[in-house]
């Protein structure tokens, strides 16, 4: 992990194509090590969540190259490595587990980010008809200790259409993404046995992911 963090730190400070080309060997080495680590995590998660299937690590990892065509930020590379572990890999529409490695900003998260409108409506319907079950998941002691609660950076300002605004738990239907996150500091990442903490956090969100994935089975 140390070598990966060092490469990402250097990349952040030298985010240009000339430096990247000169250090491509370091990139390839860091990429392979990250892929090996993600394979390890996939194996551990599959033991308690067979719903993810057996995705190859390379299919879960996001490219380090940024698409700058429609962005004001023209830096060519991301300063992080990320992997979304779900049935179908990083392109899966289903809820899954996200591992983000970045110096000073690493995290483990999960859920479903910006689902398509028809999927989002089904998730809201699932919550509407099973609000007590969903709240029980969110209020479980360990879940709250690890994740706090749902990420609320993209909530609606008004109740969604097609749902009764007087519904007692209407606030739970006002999210556009249903995600959770647990921040990781660099010191924790470099400790021996770090992978156990990652898989433990993933295990804690498994029932949450399964609830969201009911939207695909209904």
N, C-alpha and C. Protein backbone atom coordinates (compact mmCIF):
# COMPACT_ATOMS: atom_id res chain seq x y z
N UNK A 1 0.81 -1.20 0.00
CA UNK A 1 0.00 0.00 0.00
C UNK A 1 0.86 1.27 0.00
N UNK A 2 1.99 1.21 0.66
CA UNK A 2 2.86 2.38 0.75
C UNK A 2 3.29 2.83 -0.64
N UNK A 3 3.70 1.88 -1.49
CA UNK A 3 4.15 2.23 -2.84
C UNK A 3 3.01 2.85 -3.65
N UNK A 4 1.80 2.35 -3.48
CA UNK A 4 0.66 2.89 -4.23
C UNK A 4 0.37 4.32 -3.78
N UNK A 5 0.35 4.55 -2.47
CA UNK A 5 0.08 5.89 -1.95
C UNK A 5 1.16 6.88 -2.39
N UNK A 6 2.40 6.42 -2.39
CA UNK A 6 3.50 7.30 -2.81
C UNK A 6 3.37 7.67 -4.28
N UNK A 7 3.01 6.69 -5.11
CA UNK A 7 2.82 7.00 -6.53
C UNK A 7 1.68 8.00 -6.72
N UNK A 8 0.55 7.78 -6.05
CA UNK A 8 -0.59 8.66 -6.20
C UNK A 8 -0.28 10.07 -5.70
N UNK A 9 0.51 10.16 -4.64
CA UNK A 9 0.93 11.47 -4.14
C UNK A 9 1.81 12.19 -5.16
N UNK A 10 2.75 11.46 -5.75
CA UNK A 10 3.62 12.04 -6.79
C UNK A 10 2.79 12.46 -8.00
N UNK A 11 1.81 11.64 -8.36
CA UNK A 11 0.97 11.96 -9.52
C UNK A 11 0.17 13.23 -9.27
N UNK A 12 -0.34 13.38 -8.06
CA UNK A 12 -1.10 14.58 -7.73
C UNK A 12 -0.25 15.84 -7.87
N UNK A 13 1.02 15.73 -7.52
CA UNK A 13 1.93 16.87 -7.58
C UNK A 13 2.55 17.08 -8.96
N UNK A 14 2.35 16.10 -9.84
CA UNK A 14 2.93 16.18 -11.19
C UNK A 14 1.91 15.70 -12.22
N UNK A 15 0.73 16.31 -12.17
CA UNK A 15 -0.37 15.82 -12.99
C UNK A 15 -0.26 16.37 -14.42
N UNK A 16 0.66 15.78 -15.16
CA UNK A 16 0.84 16.16 -16.57
C UNK A 16 1.34 14.95 -17.34
N UNK A 17 1.13 14.96 -18.63
CA UNK A 17 1.45 13.79 -19.46
C UNK A 17 2.94 13.51 -19.54
N UNK A 18 3.76 14.54 -19.53
CA UNK A 18 5.20 14.33 -19.62
C UNK A 18 5.70 13.54 -18.41
N UNK A 19 5.30 13.95 -17.22
CA UNK A 19 5.73 13.24 -16.01
C UNK A 19 5.19 11.82 -16.02
N UNK A 20 3.93 11.67 -16.41
CA UNK A 20 3.31 10.35 -16.40
C UNK A 20 4.04 9.41 -17.34
N UNK A 21 4.37 9.89 -18.52
CA UNK A 21 5.08 9.04 -19.49
C UNK A 21 6.46 8.63 -18.95
N UNK A 22 7.11 9.55 -18.25
CA UNK A 22 8.43 9.26 -17.70
C UNK A 22 8.35 8.27 -16.54
N UNK A 23 7.19 8.19 -15.91
CA UNK A 23 7.01 7.33 -14.73
C UNK A 23 5.97 6.23 -14.97
N UNK A 24 5.81 5.84 -16.22
CA UNK A 24 4.81 4.84 -16.56
C UNK A 24 5.09 3.50 -15.88
N UNK A 25 6.37 3.17 -15.69
CA UNK A 25 6.70 1.90 -15.01
C UNK A 25 6.18 1.91 -13.58
N UNK A 26 6.29 3.08 -12.90
CA UNK A 26 5.78 3.18 -11.53
C UNK A 26 4.26 3.07 -11.52
N UNK A 27 3.63 3.65 -12.53
CA UNK A 27 2.17 3.53 -12.64
C UNK A 27 1.76 2.08 -12.81
N UNK A 28 2.42 1.37 -13.72
CA UNK A 28 2.07 -0.03 -13.97
C UNK A 28 2.26 -0.87 -12.72
N UNK A 29 3.33 -0.60 -11.99
CA UNK A 29 3.60 -1.35 -10.75
C UNK A 29 2.51 -1.08 -9.72
N UNK A 30 2.14 0.20 -9.54
CA UNK A 30 1.10 0.56 -8.58
C UNK A 30 -0.25 -0.02 -8.99
N UNK A 31 -0.52 0.00 -10.28
CA UNK A 31 -1.78 -0.53 -10.80
C UNK A 31 -1.90 -2.02 -10.53
N UNK A 32 -0.83 -2.78 -10.77
CA UNK A 32 -0.84 -4.22 -10.55
C UNK A 32 -1.04 -4.53 -9.07
N UNK A 33 -0.36 -3.77 -8.20
CA UNK A 33 -0.50 -4.00 -6.76
C UNK A 33 -1.93 -3.70 -6.30
N UNK A 34 -2.52 -2.63 -6.84
CA UNK A 34 -3.91 -2.30 -6.48
C UNK A 34 -4.85 -3.39 -6.97
N UNK A 35 -4.62 -3.88 -8.17
CA UNK A 35 -5.46 -4.93 -8.73
C UNK A 35 -5.36 -6.19 -7.88
N UNK A 36 -4.16 -6.54 -7.44
CA UNK A 36 -3.98 -7.70 -6.57
C UNK A 36 -4.76 -7.54 -5.27
N UNK A 37 -4.74 -6.32 -4.74
CA UNK A 37 -5.43 -6.06 -3.48
C UNK A 37 -6.94 -6.16 -3.68
N UNK A 38 -7.43 -5.63 -4.80
CA UNK A 38 -8.86 -5.70 -5.07
C UNK A 38 -9.30 -7.14 -5.26
N UNK A 39 -8.48 -7.95 -5.90
CA UNK A 39 -8.79 -9.38 -6.04
C UNK A 39 -8.95 -10.03 -4.66
N UNK A 40 -8.08 -9.65 -3.73
CA UNK A 40 -8.16 -10.16 -2.36
C UNK A 40 -9.48 -9.76 -1.72
N UNK A 41 -9.86 -8.49 -1.87
CA UNK A 41 -11.11 -8.01 -1.29
C UNK A 41 -12.31 -8.72 -1.90
N UNK A 42 -12.29 -8.89 -3.21
CA UNK A 42 -13.39 -9.59 -3.88
C UNK A 42 -13.57 -11.00 -3.30
N UNK A 43 -12.46 -11.69 -3.12
CA UNK A 43 -12.53 -13.04 -2.56
C UNK A 43 -13.12 -13.05 -1.17
N UNK A 44 -12.75 -12.06 -0.35
CA UNK A 44 -13.27 -11.98 1.02
C UNK A 44 -14.76 -11.64 1.02
N UNK A 45 -15.16 -10.68 0.20
CA UNK A 45 -16.57 -10.27 0.17
C UNK A 45 -17.45 -11.41 -0.33
N UNK A 46 -16.97 -12.15 -1.32
CA UNK A 46 -17.79 -13.22 -1.90
C UNK A 46 -18.12 -14.30 -0.87
N UNK A 47 -17.35 -14.38 0.21
CA UNK A 47 -17.61 -15.38 1.24
C UNK A 47 -18.89 -15.07 2.02
N UNK A 48 -19.21 -13.76 2.15
CA UNK A 48 -20.44 -13.42 2.89
C UNK A 48 -21.50 -12.75 2.01
N UNK A 49 -21.15 -12.44 0.76
CA UNK A 49 -22.13 -11.86 -0.15
C UNK A 49 -21.98 -12.46 -1.54
N UNK A 50 -22.54 -13.64 -1.75
CA UNK A 50 -22.43 -14.29 -3.05
C UNK A 50 -23.15 -13.54 -4.17
N UNK A 51 -23.96 -12.54 -3.81
CA UNK A 51 -24.66 -11.76 -4.83
C UNK A 51 -23.70 -11.03 -5.77
N UNK A 52 -22.48 -10.77 -5.33
CA UNK A 52 -21.55 -10.02 -6.19
C UNK A 52 -21.00 -10.89 -7.31
N UNK A 53 -21.21 -12.21 -7.23
CA UNK A 53 -20.64 -13.10 -8.22
C UNK A 53 -19.12 -13.19 -8.05
N UNK A 54 -18.40 -13.33 -9.16
CA UNK A 54 -16.94 -13.39 -9.12
C UNK A 54 -16.36 -12.44 -10.18
N UNK A 55 -16.58 -11.14 -10.02
CA UNK A 55 -16.03 -10.21 -11.00
C UNK A 55 -14.51 -10.18 -10.95
N UNK A 56 -13.88 -10.05 -12.11
CA UNK A 56 -12.43 -9.90 -12.15
C UNK A 56 -12.07 -8.49 -11.68
N UNK A 57 -10.96 -8.37 -10.96
CA UNK A 57 -10.57 -7.06 -10.43
C UNK A 57 -10.48 -6.01 -11.52
N UNK A 58 -9.94 -6.40 -12.68
CA UNK A 58 -9.76 -5.44 -13.77
C UNK A 58 -11.10 -4.87 -14.25
N UNK A 59 -12.18 -5.60 -14.02
CA UNK A 59 -13.50 -5.13 -14.44
C UNK A 59 -14.17 -4.25 -13.40
N UNK A 60 -13.57 -4.17 -12.22
CA UNK A 60 -14.14 -3.33 -11.15
C UNK A 60 -13.38 -2.01 -11.00
N UNK A 61 -12.17 -1.94 -11.53
CA UNK A 61 -11.30 -0.78 -11.31
C UNK A 61 -11.54 0.30 -12.35
N UNK A 62 -11.66 1.53 -11.88
CA UNK A 62 -11.85 2.67 -12.78
C UNK A 62 -10.53 3.13 -13.38
N UNK A 63 -10.60 3.65 -14.59
CA UNK A 63 -9.41 4.15 -15.27
C UNK A 63 -8.86 5.38 -14.54
N UNK A 64 -7.54 5.52 -14.55
CA UNK A 64 -6.89 6.67 -13.93
C UNK A 64 -6.94 7.89 -14.86
N UNK A 65 -7.24 7.64 -16.12
CA UNK A 65 -7.28 8.72 -17.11
C UNK A 65 -8.62 9.44 -17.05
N UNK A 66 -8.59 10.75 -16.92
CA UNK A 66 -9.80 11.54 -16.81
C UNK A 66 -10.36 11.90 -18.18
N UNK A 67 -11.67 11.97 -18.28
CA UNK A 67 -12.33 12.47 -19.48
C UNK A 67 -12.52 13.98 -19.28
N UNK A 68 -11.72 14.77 -19.96
CA UNK A 68 -11.71 16.22 -19.74
C UNK A 68 -12.50 16.98 -20.81
N UNK A 69 -13.20 16.26 -21.68
CA UNK A 69 -13.88 16.91 -22.81
C UNK A 69 -14.90 17.95 -22.36
N UNK A 70 -15.63 17.65 -21.29
CA UNK A 70 -16.70 18.55 -20.85
C UNK A 70 -16.43 19.09 -19.44
N UNK A 71 -15.17 19.10 -19.05
CA UNK A 71 -14.81 19.53 -17.70
C UNK A 71 -13.93 20.78 -17.74
N UNK A 72 -14.18 21.67 -16.79
CA UNK A 72 -13.32 22.84 -16.66
C UNK A 72 -11.94 22.45 -16.13
N UNK A 73 -11.90 21.35 -15.36
CA UNK A 73 -10.64 20.83 -14.83
C UNK A 73 -9.97 19.99 -15.92
N UNK A 74 -8.88 20.47 -16.47
CA UNK A 74 -8.22 19.80 -17.58
C UNK A 74 -7.05 18.91 -17.15
N UNK A 75 -6.90 18.68 -15.84
CA UNK A 75 -5.85 17.77 -15.41
C UNK A 75 -6.12 16.39 -16.01
N UNK A 76 -5.11 15.76 -16.61
CA UNK A 76 -5.36 14.53 -17.38
C UNK A 76 -5.57 13.26 -16.56
N UNK A 77 -5.17 13.27 -15.27
CA UNK A 77 -5.21 12.02 -14.50
C UNK A 77 -5.92 12.22 -13.15
N UNK A 78 -6.55 11.17 -12.71
CA UNK A 78 -7.09 11.15 -11.35
C UNK A 78 -5.93 10.92 -10.39
N UNK A 79 -6.06 11.41 -9.18
CA UNK A 79 -5.03 11.18 -8.17
C UNK A 79 -5.47 10.10 -7.19
N UNK A 80 -6.27 9.15 -7.69
CA UNK A 80 -6.77 8.06 -6.86
C UNK A 80 -6.93 6.80 -7.69
N UNK A 81 -7.01 5.69 -7.00
CA UNK A 81 -7.44 4.43 -7.60
C UNK A 81 -8.78 4.07 -6.95
N UNK A 82 -9.72 3.62 -7.75
CA UNK A 82 -11.02 3.25 -7.21
C UNK A 82 -11.54 1.98 -7.84
N UNK A 83 -12.31 1.23 -7.07
CA UNK A 83 -12.91 -0.01 -7.58
C UNK A 83 -14.32 -0.14 -7.04
N UNK A 84 -15.25 -0.49 -7.93
CA UNK A 84 -16.63 -0.74 -7.53
C UNK A 84 -16.90 -2.23 -7.68
N UNK A 85 -17.07 -2.89 -6.56
CA UNK A 85 -17.23 -4.34 -6.53
C UNK A 85 -18.71 -4.69 -6.46
N UNK A 86 -19.21 -5.19 -7.57
CA UNK A 86 -20.62 -5.57 -7.67
C UNK A 86 -20.76 -6.59 -8.78
N UNK A 87 -21.92 -7.21 -8.86
CA UNK A 87 -22.18 -8.17 -9.93
C UNK A 87 -22.21 -7.42 -11.25
N UNK A 88 -21.18 -7.63 -12.07
CA UNK A 88 -21.06 -6.88 -13.32
C UNK A 88 -19.93 -5.86 -13.30
N UNK A 89 -19.28 -5.71 -12.15
CA UNK A 89 -18.14 -4.81 -12.09
C UNK A 89 -18.51 -3.34 -12.01
N UNK A 90 -17.57 -2.48 -12.39
CA UNK A 90 -17.73 -1.03 -12.22
C UNK A 90 -18.90 -0.46 -13.01
N UNK A 91 -19.34 -1.13 -14.06
CA UNK A 91 -20.45 -0.64 -14.87
C UNK A 91 -21.80 -1.17 -14.40
N UNK A 92 -21.80 -1.92 -13.33
CA UNK A 92 -23.04 -2.50 -12.82
C UNK A 92 -23.99 -1.41 -12.32
N UNK A 93 -25.28 -1.52 -12.63
CA UNK A 93 -26.25 -0.57 -12.08
C UNK A 93 -26.67 -0.92 -10.66
N UNK A 94 -26.26 -2.10 -10.19
CA UNK A 94 -26.70 -2.58 -8.89
C UNK A 94 -25.90 -1.95 -7.75
N UNK A 95 -26.42 -2.06 -6.54
CA UNK A 95 -25.68 -1.62 -5.35
C UNK A 95 -24.48 -2.53 -5.13
N UNK A 96 -23.40 -1.96 -4.61
CA UNK A 96 -22.20 -2.74 -4.39
C UNK A 96 -21.27 -2.04 -3.42
N UNK A 97 -20.00 -2.41 -3.48
CA UNK A 97 -18.99 -1.94 -2.54
C UNK A 97 -17.93 -1.11 -3.29
N UNK A 98 -17.60 0.05 -2.75
CA UNK A 98 -16.65 0.93 -3.41
C UNK A 98 -15.43 1.15 -2.52
N UNK A 99 -14.24 0.90 -3.10
CA UNK A 99 -12.98 1.12 -2.39
C UNK A 99 -12.22 2.22 -3.12
N UNK A 100 -11.90 3.28 -2.40
CA UNK A 100 -11.25 4.47 -2.96
C UNK A 100 -9.94 4.69 -2.23
N UNK A 101 -8.84 4.67 -2.98
CA UNK A 101 -7.51 4.85 -2.38
C UNK A 101 -6.92 6.15 -2.90
N UNK A 102 -6.68 7.08 -1.98
CA UNK A 102 -6.14 8.40 -2.33
C UNK A 102 -5.46 8.98 -1.09
N UNK A 103 -4.22 9.44 -1.21
CA UNK A 103 -3.53 9.98 -0.04
C UNK A 103 -4.36 11.06 0.66
N UNK A 104 -4.66 10.82 1.93
CA UNK A 104 -5.41 11.78 2.72
C UNK A 104 -6.91 11.78 2.46
N UNK A 105 -7.40 10.95 1.56
CA UNK A 105 -8.83 10.97 1.23
C UNK A 105 -9.36 9.59 0.85
N UNK A 106 -8.81 8.54 1.42
CA UNK A 106 -9.27 7.19 1.11
C UNK A 106 -10.58 6.90 1.83
N UNK A 107 -11.32 5.94 1.31
CA UNK A 107 -12.57 5.58 1.95
C UNK A 107 -13.05 4.22 1.46
N UNK A 108 -13.97 3.66 2.23
CA UNK A 108 -14.73 2.49 1.80
C UNK A 108 -16.19 2.91 1.83
N UNK A 109 -16.89 2.61 0.78
CA UNK A 109 -18.29 3.04 0.71
C UNK A 109 -19.11 2.01 -0.02
N UNK A 110 -20.35 2.34 -0.26
CA UNK A 110 -21.20 1.41 -0.98
C UNK A 110 -22.59 1.94 -1.17
N UNK A 111 -23.43 1.11 -1.76
CA UNK A 111 -24.77 1.51 -2.10
C UNK A 111 -24.91 1.66 -3.59
N UNK A 112 -25.74 2.59 -4.00
CA UNK A 112 -25.99 2.82 -5.42
C UNK A 112 -25.98 4.32 -5.69
N UNK A 113 -25.11 4.73 -6.61
CA UNK A 113 -24.89 6.15 -6.90
C UNK A 113 -25.63 6.57 -8.17
N UNK A 114 -26.47 7.58 -8.05
CA UNK A 114 -27.20 8.17 -9.18
C UNK A 114 -27.83 7.10 -10.08
N UNK A 115 -28.72 6.28 -9.55
CA UNK A 115 -29.37 5.26 -10.37
C UNK A 115 -30.26 5.89 -11.44
N UNK A 116 -30.53 5.14 -12.48
CA UNK A 116 -31.44 5.60 -13.52
C UNK A 116 -32.82 5.87 -12.92
N UNK A 117 -33.59 6.80 -13.50
CA UNK A 117 -34.88 7.20 -12.91
C UNK A 117 -35.81 6.04 -12.60
N UNK A 118 -35.88 5.05 -13.49
CA UNK A 118 -36.80 3.95 -13.24
C UNK A 118 -36.34 3.09 -12.06
N UNK A 119 -35.01 2.97 -11.89
CA UNK A 119 -34.47 2.22 -10.76
C UNK A 119 -34.66 3.00 -9.47
N UNK A 120 -34.40 4.30 -9.53
CA UNK A 120 -34.57 5.15 -8.35
C UNK A 120 -36.02 5.10 -7.86
N UNK A 121 -36.96 5.11 -8.78
CA UNK A 121 -38.37 5.03 -8.38
C UNK A 121 -38.66 3.70 -7.70
N UNK A 122 -38.10 2.61 -8.21
CA UNK A 122 -38.31 1.30 -7.59
C UNK A 122 -37.69 1.23 -6.19
N UNK A 123 -36.51 1.86 -6.03
CA UNK A 123 -35.88 1.90 -4.70
C UNK A 123 -36.78 2.66 -3.74
N UNK A 124 -37.29 3.80 -4.18
CA UNK A 124 -38.18 4.58 -3.32
C UNK A 124 -39.45 3.80 -2.98
N UNK A 125 -39.97 3.07 -3.94
CA UNK A 125 -41.15 2.24 -3.66
C UNK A 125 -40.84 1.16 -2.63
N UNK A 126 -39.66 0.57 -2.76
CA UNK A 126 -39.25 -0.46 -1.80
C UNK A 126 -39.17 0.12 -0.39
N UNK A 127 -38.62 1.33 -0.29
CA UNK A 127 -38.53 2.01 1.02
C UNK A 127 -39.92 2.39 1.51
N UNK A 128 -40.76 2.88 0.60
CA UNK A 128 -42.11 3.32 0.96
C UNK A 128 -42.91 2.18 1.59
N UNK A 129 -42.81 1.00 1.00
CA UNK A 129 -43.59 -0.13 1.50
C UNK A 129 -42.89 -0.91 2.62
N UNK A 130 -41.61 -0.62 2.82
CA UNK A 130 -40.85 -1.35 3.85
C UNK A 130 -39.98 -0.39 4.65
N UNK A 131 -40.56 0.74 5.01
CA UNK A 131 -39.81 1.79 5.70
C UNK A 131 -39.24 1.31 7.03
N UNK A 132 -40.01 0.52 7.76
CA UNK A 132 -39.55 0.04 9.07
C UNK A 132 -38.30 -0.81 8.91
N UNK A 133 -38.28 -1.69 7.91
CA UNK A 133 -37.11 -2.53 7.67
C UNK A 133 -35.90 -1.69 7.29
N UNK A 134 -36.11 -0.69 6.43
CA UNK A 134 -35.01 0.15 5.97
C UNK A 134 -34.45 0.97 7.13
N UNK A 135 -35.31 1.53 7.94
CA UNK A 135 -34.85 2.32 9.09
C UNK A 135 -34.10 1.46 10.09
N UNK A 136 -34.53 0.23 10.23
CA UNK A 136 -33.85 -0.69 11.15
C UNK A 136 -32.41 -0.92 10.69
N UNK A 137 -32.19 -1.04 9.37
CA UNK A 137 -30.84 -1.20 8.83
C UNK A 137 -29.99 0.03 9.14
N UNK A 138 -30.55 1.20 8.90
CA UNK A 138 -29.81 2.45 9.07
C UNK A 138 -29.50 2.75 10.54
N UNK A 139 -30.35 2.26 11.42
CA UNK A 139 -30.20 2.58 12.85
C UNK A 139 -29.48 1.50 13.63
N UNK A 140 -29.07 0.43 12.95
CA UNK A 140 -28.31 -0.63 13.63
C UNK A 140 -27.01 -0.03 14.18
N UNK A 141 -26.65 -0.40 15.40
CA UNK A 141 -25.53 0.25 16.11
C UNK A 141 -24.23 0.24 15.31
N UNK A 142 -23.84 -0.91 14.82
CA UNK A 142 -22.56 -0.98 14.11
C UNK A 142 -22.61 -0.20 12.81
N UNK A 143 -23.75 -0.26 12.11
CA UNK A 143 -23.89 0.48 10.86
C UNK A 143 -23.72 1.98 11.12
N UNK A 144 -24.36 2.49 12.16
CA UNK A 144 -24.25 3.91 12.49
C UNK A 144 -22.84 4.27 12.92
N UNK A 145 -22.18 3.35 13.63
CA UNK A 145 -20.82 3.62 14.10
C UNK A 145 -19.84 3.69 12.93
N UNK A 146 -20.02 2.81 11.96
CA UNK A 146 -19.09 2.76 10.83
C UNK A 146 -19.39 3.83 9.78
N UNK A 147 -20.68 4.01 9.45
CA UNK A 147 -21.04 4.88 8.33
C UNK A 147 -21.78 6.16 8.72
N UNK A 148 -22.31 6.21 9.92
CA UNK A 148 -23.04 7.39 10.34
C UNK A 148 -24.47 7.39 9.80
N UNK A 149 -24.60 7.48 8.51
CA UNK A 149 -25.92 7.48 7.88
C UNK A 149 -25.77 7.63 6.39
N UNK A 150 -26.86 7.88 5.71
CA UNK A 150 -26.83 8.04 4.26
C UNK A 150 -26.12 9.35 3.88
N UNK A 151 -25.36 9.30 2.78
CA UNK A 151 -24.76 10.52 2.25
C UNK A 151 -25.86 11.43 1.73
N UNK A 152 -25.89 12.68 2.17
CA UNK A 152 -27.02 13.56 1.85
C UNK A 152 -26.63 14.76 0.99
N UNK A 153 -25.60 14.57 0.15
CA UNK A 153 -25.11 15.69 -0.66
C UNK A 153 -25.98 15.98 -1.88
N UNK A 154 -26.88 15.11 -2.25
CA UNK A 154 -27.68 15.35 -3.46
C UNK A 154 -29.16 15.06 -3.24
N UNK A 155 -29.65 15.48 -2.08
CA UNK A 155 -31.06 15.25 -1.78
C UNK A 155 -31.95 16.24 -2.50
N UNK A 156 -33.18 15.82 -2.74
CA UNK A 156 -34.19 16.71 -3.30
C UNK A 156 -34.59 17.76 -2.27
N UNK A 157 -35.07 18.89 -2.74
CA UNK A 157 -35.58 19.92 -1.84
C UNK A 157 -37.06 19.74 -1.57
N UNK A 158 -37.72 19.03 -2.47
CA UNK A 158 -39.16 18.75 -2.31
C UNK A 158 -39.39 17.24 -2.44
N UNK A 159 -40.46 16.74 -1.88
CA UNK A 159 -40.76 15.30 -2.01
C UNK A 159 -40.87 14.90 -3.47
N UNK A 160 -40.44 13.70 -3.81
CA UNK A 160 -40.52 13.25 -5.20
C UNK A 160 -41.97 13.08 -5.65
N UNK A 161 -42.20 13.34 -6.93
CA UNK A 161 -43.55 13.17 -7.44
C UNK A 161 -43.92 11.68 -7.40
N UNK A 162 -45.19 11.42 -7.43
CA UNK A 162 -45.74 10.06 -7.39
C UNK A 162 -45.71 9.45 -5.99
N UNK A 163 -45.29 10.27 -4.99
CA UNK A 163 -45.30 9.77 -3.62
C UNK A 163 -46.03 10.77 -2.72
N UNK A 164 -46.77 10.23 -1.77
CA UNK A 164 -47.55 11.05 -0.86
C UNK A 164 -46.63 11.87 0.04
N UNK A 165 -46.73 13.19 -0.05
CA UNK A 165 -45.85 14.06 0.74
C UNK A 165 -46.10 13.93 2.24
N UNK A 166 -47.27 13.38 2.62
CA UNK A 166 -47.58 13.21 4.04
C UNK A 166 -47.05 11.90 4.61
N UNK A 167 -46.40 11.11 3.76
CA UNK A 167 -45.79 9.85 4.23
C UNK A 167 -44.85 10.16 5.39
N UNK A 168 -44.98 9.49 6.54
CA UNK A 168 -44.19 9.83 7.73
C UNK A 168 -42.67 9.80 7.51
N UNK A 169 -42.22 8.95 6.61
CA UNK A 169 -40.78 8.84 6.37
C UNK A 169 -40.41 9.40 5.00
N UNK A 170 -41.09 10.46 4.60
CA UNK A 170 -40.86 11.04 3.28
C UNK A 170 -39.41 11.47 3.09
N UNK A 171 -38.73 11.83 4.19
CA UNK A 171 -37.33 12.24 4.07
C UNK A 171 -36.45 11.13 3.50
N UNK A 172 -36.82 9.89 3.74
CA UNK A 172 -36.03 8.77 3.22
C UNK A 172 -36.19 8.60 1.71
N UNK A 173 -37.21 9.24 1.14
CA UNK A 173 -37.46 9.11 -0.30
C UNK A 173 -36.86 10.27 -1.09
N UNK A 174 -36.19 11.20 -0.42
CA UNK A 174 -35.73 12.42 -1.08
C UNK A 174 -34.27 12.36 -1.52
N UNK A 175 -33.68 11.19 -1.44
CA UNK A 175 -32.30 11.01 -1.91
C UNK A 175 -32.29 10.66 -3.39
N UNK A 176 -31.29 11.17 -4.11
CA UNK A 176 -31.09 10.78 -5.51
C UNK A 176 -30.04 9.68 -5.62
N UNK A 177 -29.25 9.51 -4.57
CA UNK A 177 -28.31 8.40 -4.44
C UNK A 177 -28.51 7.81 -3.05
N UNK A 178 -28.33 6.50 -2.95
CA UNK A 178 -28.41 5.83 -1.65
C UNK A 178 -27.04 5.22 -1.38
N UNK A 179 -26.19 6.01 -0.75
CA UNK A 179 -24.80 5.62 -0.55
C UNK A 179 -24.38 5.86 0.90
N UNK A 180 -23.38 5.11 1.33
CA UNK A 180 -22.76 5.31 2.64
C UNK A 180 -21.25 5.36 2.44
N UNK A 181 -20.55 5.95 3.43
CA UNK A 181 -19.10 6.12 3.28
C UNK A 181 -18.43 6.09 4.65
N UNK A 182 -17.24 5.49 4.68
CA UNK A 182 -16.41 5.48 5.87
C UNK A 182 -15.00 5.91 5.48
N UNK A 183 -14.54 7.02 6.05
CA UNK A 183 -13.23 7.55 5.69
C UNK A 183 -12.11 6.71 6.30
N UNK A 184 -10.99 6.64 5.58
CA UNK A 184 -9.82 5.87 6.01
C UNK A 184 -8.60 6.78 5.99
N UNK A 185 -7.87 6.84 7.11
CA UNK A 185 -6.66 7.66 7.10
C UNK A 185 -5.47 6.83 6.63
N UNK A 186 -4.43 7.52 6.19
CA UNK A 186 -3.27 6.83 5.63
C UNK A 186 -2.61 5.90 6.64
N UNK A 187 -2.61 6.29 7.88
CA UNK A 187 -1.98 5.47 8.91
C UNK A 187 -2.67 4.12 9.03
N UNK A 188 -4.00 4.14 8.99
CA UNK A 188 -4.76 2.89 9.09
C UNK A 188 -4.49 2.01 7.88
N UNK A 189 -4.39 2.61 6.70
CA UNK A 189 -4.17 1.85 5.47
C UNK A 189 -2.84 1.11 5.50
N UNK A 190 -1.85 1.69 6.13
CA UNK A 190 -0.50 1.11 6.14
C UNK A 190 -0.30 0.07 7.23
N UNK A 191 -1.28 -0.12 8.09
CA UNK A 191 -1.15 -1.10 9.16
C UNK A 191 -1.30 -2.52 8.63
N UNK A 192 -0.63 -3.45 9.28
CA UNK A 192 -0.81 -4.87 8.96
C UNK A 192 -2.25 -5.27 9.24
N UNK A 193 -2.78 -6.13 8.41
CA UNK A 193 -4.15 -6.60 8.62
C UNK A 193 -5.20 -5.60 8.20
N UNK A 194 -4.79 -4.60 7.42
CA UNK A 194 -5.73 -3.57 6.99
C UNK A 194 -6.92 -4.15 6.22
N UNK A 195 -6.69 -5.19 5.44
CA UNK A 195 -7.77 -5.76 4.63
C UNK A 195 -8.93 -6.25 5.48
N UNK A 196 -8.63 -6.68 6.72
CA UNK A 196 -9.70 -7.15 7.61
C UNK A 196 -10.68 -6.02 7.91
N UNK A 197 -10.15 -4.81 8.12
CA UNK A 197 -11.02 -3.67 8.37
C UNK A 197 -11.89 -3.35 7.18
N UNK A 198 -11.33 -3.49 5.97
CA UNK A 198 -12.08 -3.24 4.75
C UNK A 198 -13.24 -4.22 4.62
N UNK A 199 -12.94 -5.51 4.77
CA UNK A 199 -13.99 -6.51 4.60
C UNK A 199 -15.01 -6.44 5.73
N UNK A 200 -14.58 -6.03 6.92
CA UNK A 200 -15.52 -5.88 8.03
C UNK A 200 -16.51 -4.75 7.74
N UNK A 201 -16.01 -3.64 7.18
CA UNK A 201 -16.90 -2.54 6.81
C UNK A 201 -17.86 -2.98 5.70
N UNK A 202 -17.36 -3.74 4.76
CA UNK A 202 -18.21 -4.24 3.68
C UNK A 202 -19.30 -5.16 4.22
N UNK A 203 -18.92 -6.01 5.15
CA UNK A 203 -19.90 -6.92 5.75
C UNK A 203 -21.02 -6.12 6.44
N UNK A 204 -20.64 -5.00 7.05
CA UNK A 204 -21.60 -4.17 7.77
C UNK A 204 -22.64 -3.56 6.85
N UNK A 205 -22.29 -3.34 5.58
CA UNK A 205 -23.26 -2.73 4.64
C UNK A 205 -23.95 -3.76 3.74
N UNK A 206 -23.69 -5.03 3.93
CA UNK A 206 -24.26 -6.05 3.05
C UNK A 206 -25.78 -6.03 3.02
N UNK A 207 -26.42 -6.00 4.18
CA UNK A 207 -27.89 -6.01 4.21
C UNK A 207 -28.45 -4.74 3.57
N UNK A 208 -27.74 -3.63 3.73
CA UNK A 208 -28.13 -2.36 3.10
C UNK A 208 -28.11 -2.51 1.58
N UNK A 209 -27.04 -3.08 1.03
CA UNK A 209 -26.95 -3.31 -0.41
C UNK A 209 -28.04 -4.26 -0.89
N UNK A 210 -28.29 -5.31 -0.12
CA UNK A 210 -29.30 -6.29 -0.52
C UNK A 210 -30.69 -5.65 -0.57
N UNK A 211 -30.96 -4.77 0.38
CA UNK A 211 -32.24 -4.08 0.37
C UNK A 211 -32.39 -3.26 -0.91
N UNK A 212 -31.35 -2.49 -1.26
CA UNK A 212 -31.41 -1.65 -2.46
C UNK A 212 -31.56 -2.50 -3.72
N UNK A 213 -30.92 -3.65 -3.72
CA UNK A 213 -30.96 -4.50 -4.92
C UNK A 213 -32.29 -5.20 -5.13
N UNK A 214 -33.18 -5.09 -4.14
CA UNK A 214 -34.53 -5.61 -4.36
C UNK A 214 -35.20 -4.88 -5.54
N UNK A 215 -34.77 -3.64 -5.79
CA UNK A 215 -35.36 -2.85 -6.88
C UNK A 215 -35.15 -3.54 -8.23
N UNK A 216 -34.13 -4.36 -8.33
CA UNK A 216 -33.84 -5.04 -9.59
C UNK A 216 -34.54 -6.38 -9.70
N UNK A 217 -35.09 -6.82 -8.59
CA UNK A 217 -35.72 -8.13 -8.56
C UNK A 217 -37.24 -8.06 -8.49
N UNK A 218 -37.75 -6.82 -8.39
CA UNK A 218 -39.20 -6.66 -8.24
C UNK A 218 -39.87 -6.50 -9.60
